[in-house]
Amino acid sequence: MSTKARRKPVVASPPVGARAGRVSRLVVVVAVVAGLGGAAAGYLVAVPDASEVAIADLRKADADRDVKQIGELTTLAKSTAAELDKVLAALALAVPRDTTTAAQPAVPEIVRGWQDVVRKVAEKHAESPSGMTATNVARGGFRSAVNALGGALDTYALVQALPEDQRKPLLDLVSRQRSTAVMMWSVAATQLDQLNVDAGNGHQHAYLTGVPGDGAIAPDQIPEGTQ
């Protein structure tokens, strides 16, 4: 009795095109899943948390406050510069920079009037609201300049009580104190000018003009309001 060998069923391989199709669909699925994951991660990264929002709000509040303070300081500096210019012009006659120019000494009553003006200006500049560092520097510069000019006037008042032959050394000191005050003011005014440009107000000039050639920084020739 003969035994027939059984043939194993032949399983047909899927067509090449079908395999490629399944691979393509798998790639698409993986790409979609990866894209969704990346989008979710990007969303989580892009959305600021509460602390970041609070910090941004504080920075904006500081910037807004600084713009306001710059405007107020500019108004104050311009108005007080006009007052100080009158004192400086008169003091320049009493204590000329050029030693070859004859001095026109001021009487004590006039000197006290100068001191009163400078004292009132110093009171206006005494306020020190907290602000950005650059604004604080400008504010401090104006205050220091006014105080220096007040010191020059106090020295001049003392000179008047001295005999004529003892006055020259102190008059030279008055001249140096005045120059220091004017130079300090010019530095603060230059800082304030740049602050206004940065704040979008354009150039703003609050320089002293009462003592030309006293070593101060000269204002630029750019019209006010020009960026």
C-alpha atoms as a PDB file:
ATOM      1  CA  MET A   1       0.000   0.000   0.000  1.00  0.00           C
ATOM      2  CA  SER A   2       1.580   3.200  -1.075  1.00  0.00           C
ATOM      3  CA  THR A   3       1.572   6.410   1.008  1.00  0.00           C
ATOM      4  CA  LYS A   4       1.206   9.742  -0.782  1.00  0.00           C
ATOM      5  CA  ALA A   5       3.238  12.613   0.564  1.00  0.00           C
ATOM      6  CA  ARG A   6       1.115  15.541   1.634  1.00  0.00           C
ATOM      7  CA  ARG A   7       2.018  18.880   0.153  1.00  0.00           C
ATOM      8  CA  LYS A   8       2.189  21.880   2.481  1.00  0.00           C
ATOM      9  CA  PRO A   9      -0.257  24.562   1.472  1.00  0.00           C
ATOM     10  CA  VAL A  10       1.402  27.350  -0.355  1.00  0.00           C
ATOM     11  CA  VAL A  11       0.652  30.759   1.139  1.00  0.00           C
ATOM     12  CA  ALA A  12       0.832  33.409  -1.465  1.00  0.00           C
ATOM     13  CA  SER A  13       2.989  36.422  -0.569  1.00  0.00           C
ATOM     14  CA  PRO A  14       1.131  39.731  -0.592  1.00  0.00           C
ATOM     15  CA  PRO A  15       1.801  41.828  -3.590  1.00  0.00           C
ATOM     16  CA  VAL A  16       4.657  44.263  -3.334  1.00  0.00           C
ATOM     17  CA  GLY A  17       2.263  47.182  -3.726  1.00  0.00           C
ATOM     18  CA  ALA A  18       0.175  46.039  -0.743  1.00  0.00           C
ATOM     19  CA  ARG A  19       3.253  45.850   1.490  1.00  0.00           C
ATOM     20  CA  ALA A  20       4.314  49.327   0.433  1.00  0.00           C
ATOM     21  CA  GLY A  21       0.846  50.641   1.163  1.00  0.00           C
ATOM     22  CA  ARG A  22       0.875  49.270   4.696  1.00  0.00           C
ATOM     23  CA  VAL A  23       4.317  50.756   5.331  1.00  0.00           C
ATOM     24  CA  SER A  24       3.174  54.119   4.022  1.00  0.00           C
ATOM     25  CA  ARG A  25       0.111  54.095   6.261  1.00  0.00           C
ATOM     26  CA  LEU A  26       2.291  53.213   9.257  1.00  0.00           C
ATOM     27  CA  VAL A  27       4.631  56.097   8.500  1.00  0.00           C
ATOM     28  CA  VAL A  28       1.684  58.472   8.261  1.00  0.00           C
ATOM     29  CA  VAL A  29       0.288  57.303  11.600  1.00  0.00           C
ATOM     30  CA  VAL A  30       3.667  57.709  13.307  1.00  0.00           C
ATOM     31  CA  ALA A  31       4.100  61.176  11.803  1.00  0.00           C
ATOM     32  CA  VAL A  32       0.644  62.268  12.955  1.00  0.00           C
ATOM     33  CA  VAL A  33       1.250  61.007  16.483  1.00  0.00           C
ATOM     34  CA  ALA A  34       4.646  62.700  16.592  1.00  0.00           C
ATOM     35  CA  GLY A  35       3.158  65.922  15.272  1.00  0.00           C
ATOM     36  CA  LEU A  36       0.432  65.930  17.890  1.00  0.00           C
ATOM     37  CA  GLY A  37       2.985  65.282  20.597  1.00  0.00           C
ATOM     38  CA  GLY A  38       5.221  68.072  19.350  1.00  0.00           C
ATOM     39  CA  ALA A  39       2.307  70.481  19.129  1.00  0.00           C
ATOM     40  CA  ALA A  40       1.287  69.676  22.677  1.00  0.00           C
ATOM     41  CA  ALA A  41       4.839  70.170  23.913  1.00  0.00           C
ATOM     42  CA  GLY A  42       5.115  73.424  21.987  1.00  0.00           C
ATOM     43  CA  TYR A  43       1.867  74.640  23.508  1.00  0.00           C
ATOM     44  CA  LEU A  44       3.105  73.874  26.990  1.00  0.00           C
ATOM     45  CA  VAL A  45       6.363  75.704  26.302  1.00  0.00           C
ATOM     46  CA  ALA A  46       4.738  78.716  24.613  1.00  0.00           C
ATOM     47  CA  VAL A  47       2.093  79.402  27.250  1.00  0.00           C
ATOM     48  CA  PRO A  48       3.676  81.482  30.082  1.00  0.00           C
ATOM     49  CA  ASP A  49       2.954  80.451  33.626  1.00  0.00           C
ATOM     50  CA  ALA A  50       1.551  82.743  36.312  1.00  0.00           C
ATOM     51  CA  SER A  51       4.969  83.873  37.544  1.00  0.00           C
ATOM     52  CA  GLU A  52       6.118  84.848  34.039  1.00  0.00           C
ATOM     53  CA  VAL A  53       2.927  86.844  33.504  1.00  0.00           C
ATOM     54  CA  ALA A  54       3.426  88.599  36.847  1.00  0.00           C
ATOM     55  CA  ILE A  55       7.039  89.464  35.990  1.00  0.00           C
ATOM     56  CA  ALA A  56       6.008  90.831  32.590  1.00  0.00           C
ATOM     57  CA  ASP A  57       3.304  92.953  34.235  1.00  0.00           C
ATOM     58  CA  LEU A  58       5.803  94.341  36.742  1.00  0.00           C
ATOM     59  CA  ARG A  59       8.263  95.225  33.984  1.00  0.00           C
ATOM     60  CA  LYS A  60       5.574  97.023  32.013  1.00  0.00           C
ATOM     61  CA  ALA A  61       4.479  98.926  35.115  1.00  0.00           C
ATOM     62  CA  ASP A  62       8.099  99.948  35.763  1.00  0.00           C
ATOM     63  CA  ALA A  63       8.542 101.078  32.158  1.00  0.00           C
ATOM     64  CA  ASP A  64       5.313 103.121  32.233  1.00  0.00           C
ATOM     65  CA  ARG A  65       6.313 104.711  35.537  1.00  0.00           C
ATOM     66  CA  ASP A  66       9.750 105.557  34.161  1.00  0.00           C
ATOM     67  CA  VAL A  67       8.317 107.305  31.102  1.00  0.00           C
ATOM     68  CA  LYS A  68       6.145 109.403  33.422  1.00  0.00           C
ATOM     69  CA  GLN A  69       9.083 110.236  35.692  1.00  0.00           C
ATOM     70  CA  ILE A  70      11.255 111.214  32.727  1.00  0.00           C
ATOM     71  CA  GLY A  71       8.602 113.688  31.608  1.00  0.00           C
ATOM     72  CA  GLU A  72       8.245 115.173  35.088  1.00  0.00           C
ATOM     73  CA  LEU A  73      12.008 115.455  35.576  1.00  0.00           C
ATOM     74  CA  THR A  74      12.375 117.145  32.187  1.00  0.00           C
ATOM     75  CA  THR A  75       9.779 119.759  33.076  1.00  0.00           C
ATOM     76  CA  LEU A  76      11.453 120.392  36.436  1.00  0.00           C
ATOM     77  CA  ALA A  77      14.956 120.593  34.963  1.00  0.00           C
ATOM     78  CA  LYS A  78      13.935 123.067  32.266  1.00  0.00           C
ATOM     79  CA  SER A  79      12.090 125.385  34.650  1.00  0.00           C
ATOM     80  CA  THR A  80      14.819 125.384  37.292  1.00  0.00           C
ATOM     81  CA  ALA A  81      17.556 125.813  34.670  1.00  0.00           C
ATOM     82  CA  ALA A  82      15.905 129.097  33.708  1.00  0.00           C
ATOM     83  CA  GLU A  83      15.994 130.226  37.353  1.00  0.00           C
ATOM     84  CA  LEU A  84      19.603 129.187  37.858  1.00  0.00           C
ATOM     85  CA  ASP A  85      20.739 130.851  34.631  1.00  0.00           C
ATOM     86  CA  LYS A  86      19.794 134.249  36.068  1.00  0.00           C
ATOM     87  CA  VAL A  87      21.858 133.621  39.195  1.00  0.00           C
ATOM     88  CA  LEU A  88      24.801 132.304  37.180  1.00  0.00           C
ATOM     89  CA  ALA A  89      24.780 135.304  34.856  1.00  0.00           C
ATOM     90  CA  ALA A  90      24.879 137.687  37.812  1.00  0.00           C
ATOM     91  CA  LEU A  91      27.544 135.645  39.612  1.00  0.00           C
ATOM     92  CA  ALA A  92      29.670 135.726  36.453  1.00  0.00           C
ATOM     93  CA  LEU A  93      29.806 139.520  36.773  1.00  0.00           C
ATOM     94  CA  ALA A  94      30.821 139.312  40.418  1.00  0.00           C
ATOM     95  CA  VAL A  95      33.329 136.511  39.843  1.00  0.00           C
ATOM     96  CA  PRO A  96      34.424 136.568  36.169  1.00  0.00           C
ATOM     97  CA  ARG A  97      36.000 133.454  34.690  1.00  0.00           C
ATOM     98  CA  ASP A  98      38.451 135.663  32.853  1.00  0.00           C
ATOM     99  CA  THR A  99      40.746 137.105  35.479  1.00  0.00           C
ATOM    100  CA  THR A 100      41.503 140.054  33.198  1.00  0.00           C
ATOM    101  CA  THR A 101      37.874 141.178  33.409  1.00  0.00           C
ATOM    102  CA  ALA A 102      37.089 143.604  36.206  1.00  0.00           C
ATOM    103  CA  ALA A 103      34.790 142.114  38.838  1.00  0.00           C
ATOM    104  CA  GLN A 104      31.520 143.776  39.796  1.00  0.00           C
ATOM    105  CA  PRO A 105      31.070 142.709  43.430  1.00  0.00           C
ATOM    106  CA  ALA A 106      27.512 142.102  44.592  1.00  0.00           C
ATOM    107  CA  VAL A 107      26.186 143.619  47.798  1.00  0.00           C
ATOM    108  CA  PRO A 108      25.150 141.219  50.585  1.00  0.00           C
ATOM    109  CA  GLU A 109      21.434 141.747  49.938  1.00  0.00           C
ATOM    110  CA  ILE A 110      21.852 140.623  46.330  1.00  0.00           C
ATOM    111  CA  VAL A 111      23.852 137.586  47.392  1.00  0.00           C
ATOM    112  CA  ARG A 112      21.139 136.588  49.863  1.00  0.00           C
ATOM    113  CA  GLY A 113      18.648 136.836  47.029  1.00  0.00           C
ATOM    114  CA  TRP A 114      20.759 134.436  44.938  1.00  0.00           C
ATOM    115  CA  GLN A 115      20.964 132.062  47.883  1.00  0.00           C
ATOM    116  CA  ASP A 116      17.188 132.126  48.312  1.00  0.00           C
ATOM    117  CA  VAL A 117      16.668 131.243  44.648  1.00  0.00           C
ATOM    118  CA  VAL A 118      19.106 128.344  44.789  1.00  0.00           C
ATOM    119  CA  ARG A 119      17.680 127.124  48.101  1.00  0.00           C
ATOM    120  CA  LYS A 120      14.176 126.964  46.614  1.00  0.00           C
ATOM    121  CA  VAL A 121      15.491 125.158  43.538  1.00  0.00           C
ATOM    122  CA  ALA A 122      17.268 122.679  45.818  1.00  0.00           C
ATOM    123  CA  GLU A 123      13.979 121.992  47.592  1.00  0.00           C
ATOM    124  CA  LYS A 124      12.325 121.223  44.253  1.00  0.00           C
ATOM    125  CA  HIS A 125      15.076 118.752  43.426  1.00  0.00           C
ATOM    126  CA  ALA A 126      15.125 117.189  46.893  1.00  0.00           C
ATOM    127  CA  GLU A 127      12.363 114.688  46.107  1.00  0.00           C
ATOM    128  CA  SER A 128      13.746 111.265  45.184  1.00  0.00           C
ATOM    129  CA  PRO A 129      11.014 108.958  43.889  1.00  0.00           C
ATOM    130  CA  SER A 130      12.208 105.453  43.128  1.00  0.00           C
ATOM    131  CA  GLY A 131      12.730 104.897  39.423  1.00  0.00           C
ATOM    132  CA  MET A 132      14.923 103.181  36.877  1.00  0.00           C
ATOM    133  CA  THR A 133      18.668 103.446  37.492  1.00  0.00           C
ATOM    134  CA  ALA A 134      19.341 105.754  34.533  1.00  0.00           C
ATOM    135  CA  THR A 135      16.586 108.143  35.634  1.00  0.00           C
ATOM    136  CA  ASN A 136      17.818 108.084  39.228  1.00  0.00           C
ATOM    137  CA  VAL A 137      21.319 108.979  38.016  1.00  0.00           C
ATOM    138  CA  ALA A 138      20.036 112.010  36.109  1.00  0.00           C
ATOM    139  CA  ARG A 139      17.919 113.120  39.056  1.00  0.00           C
ATOM    140  CA  GLY A 140      20.860 112.779  41.436  1.00  0.00           C
ATOM    141  CA  GLY A 141      23.085 114.716  39.051  1.00  0.00           C
ATOM    142  CA  PHE A 142      20.738 117.705  38.988  1.00  0.00           C
ATOM    143  CA  ARG A 143      20.417 117.646  42.776  1.00  0.00           C
ATOM    144  CA  SER A 144      24.188 117.519  43.263  1.00  0.00           C
ATOM    145  CA  ALA A 145      24.718 120.366  40.810  1.00  0.00           C
ATOM    146  CA  VAL A 146      22.271 122.616  42.658  1.00  0.00           C
ATOM    147  CA  ASN A 147      23.928 121.813  45.978  1.00  0.00           C
ATOM    148  CA  ALA A 148      27.346 122.604  44.495  1.00  0.00           C
ATOM    149  CA  LEU A 149      26.116 125.981  43.260  1.00  0.00           C
ATOM    150  CA  GLY A 150      24.670 126.669  46.695  1.00  0.00           C
ATOM    151  CA  GLY A 151      28.107 125.972  48.147  1.00  0.00           C
ATOM    152  CA  ALA A 152      29.682 128.455  45.729  1.00  0.00           C
ATOM    153  CA  LEU A 153      27.253 131.157  46.844  1.00  0.00           C
ATOM    154  CA  ASP A 154      27.894 130.401  50.513  1.00  0.00           C
ATOM    155  CA  THR A 155      31.611 130.779  49.886  1.00  0.00           C
ATOM    156  CA  TYR A 156      31.060 134.076  48.090  1.00  0.00           C
ATOM    157  CA  ALA A 157      28.998 135.338  51.016  1.00  0.00           C
ATOM    158  CA  LEU A 158      31.900 134.558  53.347  1.00  0.00           C
ATOM    159  CA  VAL A 159      34.341 136.343  51.034  1.00  0.00           C
ATOM    160  CA  GLN A 160      32.492 139.609  51.506  1.00  0.00           C
ATOM    161  CA  ALA A 161      33.377 139.647  55.191  1.00  0.00           C
ATOM    162  CA  LEU A 162      37.108 139.452  54.457  1.00  0.00           C
ATOM    163  CA  PRO A 163      39.520 142.320  53.821  1.00  0.00           C
ATOM    164  CA  GLU A 164      40.194 142.982  50.151  1.00  0.00           C
ATOM    165  CA  ASP A 165      43.739 141.649  50.290  1.00  0.00           C
ATOM    166  CA  GLN A 166      42.534 138.256  51.558  1.00  0.00           C
ATOM    167  CA  ARG A 167      39.739 137.602  49.079  1.00  0.00           C
ATOM    168  CA  LYS A 168      41.492 136.289  45.984  1.00  0.00           C
ATOM    169  CA  PRO A 169      42.086 132.653  47.096  1.00  0.00           C
ATOM    170  CA  LEU A 170      38.439 132.267  48.090  1.00  0.00           C
ATOM    171  CA  LEU A 171      37.195 133.984  44.939  1.00  0.00           C
ATOM    172  CA  ASP A 172      39.180 131.421  42.954  1.00  0.00           C
ATOM    173  CA  LEU A 173      37.435 128.725  44.991  1.00  0.00           C
ATOM    174  CA  VAL A 174      34.041 130.251  44.184  1.00  0.00           C
ATOM    175  CA  SER A 175      34.898 130.109  40.490  1.00  0.00           C
ATOM    176  CA  ARG A 176      35.893 126.437  40.719  1.00  0.00           C
ATOM    177  CA  GLN A 177      32.782 125.548  42.705  1.00  0.00           C
ATOM    178  CA  ARG A 178      30.615 127.266  40.138  1.00  0.00           C
ATOM    179  CA  SER A 179      32.333 125.431  37.279  1.00  0.00           C
ATOM    180  CA  THR A 180      31.836 122.125  39.085  1.00  0.00           C
ATOM    181  CA  ALA A 181      28.134 122.855  39.503  1.00  0.00           C
ATOM    182  CA  VAL A 182      27.687 123.749  35.841  1.00  0.00           C
ATOM    183  CA  MET A 183      29.601 120.677  34.652  1.00  0.00           C
ATOM    184  CA  MET A 184      27.594 118.377  36.925  1.00  0.00           C
ATOM    185  CA  TRP A 185      24.351 119.857  35.623  1.00  0.00           C
ATOM    186  CA  SER A 186      25.474 119.378  32.026  1.00  0.00           C
ATOM    187  CA  VAL A 187      26.181 115.681  32.641  1.00  0.00           C
ATOM    188  CA  ALA A 188      22.711 115.216  34.123  1.00  0.00           C
ATOM    189  CA  ALA A 189      21.153 117.174  31.251  1.00  0.00           C
ATOM    190  CA  THR A 190      22.923 114.981  28.700  1.00  0.00           C
ATOM    191  CA  GLN A 191      21.674 111.874  30.479  1.00  0.00           C
ATOM    192  CA  LEU A 192      18.144 113.298  30.520  1.00  0.00           C
ATOM    193  CA  ASP A 193      18.350 114.113  26.816  1.00  0.00           C
ATOM    194  CA  GLN A 194      19.156 110.482  26.003  1.00  0.00           C
ATOM    195  CA  LEU A 195      16.435 109.227  28.354  1.00  0.00           C
ATOM    196  CA  ASN A 196      13.878 111.277  26.448  1.00  0.00           C
ATOM    197  CA  VAL A 197      15.069 109.897  23.128  1.00  0.00           C
ATOM    198  CA  ASP A 198      14.801 106.340  24.470  1.00  0.00           C
ATOM    199  CA  ALA A 199      11.326 107.076  25.864  1.00  0.00           C
ATOM    200  CA  GLY A 200      10.115 108.289  22.469  1.00  0.00           C
ATOM    201  CA  ASN A 201       9.952 111.987  23.409  1.00  0.00           C
ATOM    202  CA  GLY A 202      12.771 113.048  21.118  1.00  0.00           C
ATOM    203  CA  HIS A 203      15.655 115.274  22.189  1.00  0.00           C
ATOM    204  CA  GLN A 204      14.922 117.538  25.164  1.00  0.00           C
ATOM    205  CA  HIS A 205      17.455 120.147  26.260  1.00  0.00           C
ATOM    206  CA  ALA A 206      17.610 121.302  29.881  1.00  0.00           C
ATOM    207  CA  TYR A 207      21.127 122.745  29.879  1.00  0.00           C
ATOM    208  CA  LEU A 208      22.393 125.784  31.746  1.00  0.00           C
ATOM    209  CA  THR A 209      23.478 128.677  29.546  1.00  0.00           C
ATOM    210  CA  GLY A 210      24.449 131.338  32.091  1.00  0.00           C
ATOM    211  CA  VAL A 211      28.194 130.620  32.097  1.00  0.00           C
ATOM    212  CA  PRO A 212      29.493 129.916  28.573  1.00  0.00           C
ATOM    213  CA  GLY A 213      32.869 128.205  28.422  1.00  0.00           C
ATOM    214  CA  ASP A 214      32.744 126.845  31.959  1.00  0.00           C
ATOM    215  CA  GLY A 215      33.775 123.368  30.816  1.00  0.00           C
ATOM    216  CA  ALA A 216      30.254 122.023  30.623  1.00  0.00           C
ATOM    217  CA  ILE A 217      29.000 119.560  28.014  1.00  0.00           C
ATOM    218  CA  ALA A 218      27.318 121.571  25.280  1.00  0.00           C
ATOM    219  CA  PRO A 219      23.863 120.547  24.054  1.00  0.00           C
ATOM    220  CA  ASP A 220      23.613 118.987  20.622  1.00  0.00           C
ATOM    221  CA  GLN A 221      22.224 121.009  17.749  1.00  0.00           C
ATOM    222  CA  ILE A 222      19.356 118.598  17.075  1.00  0.00           C
ATOM    223  CA  PRO A 223      15.942 120.309  17.372  1.00  0.00           C
ATOM    224  CA  GLU A 224      13.886 119.331  20.389  1.00  0.00           C
ATOM    225  CA  GLY A 225      11.411 116.554  19.767  1.00  0.00           C
ATOM    226  CA  THR A 226      13.584 115.004  17.059  1.00  0.00           C
ATOM    227  CA  GLN A 227      14.305 111.321  17.518  1.00  0.00           C
END
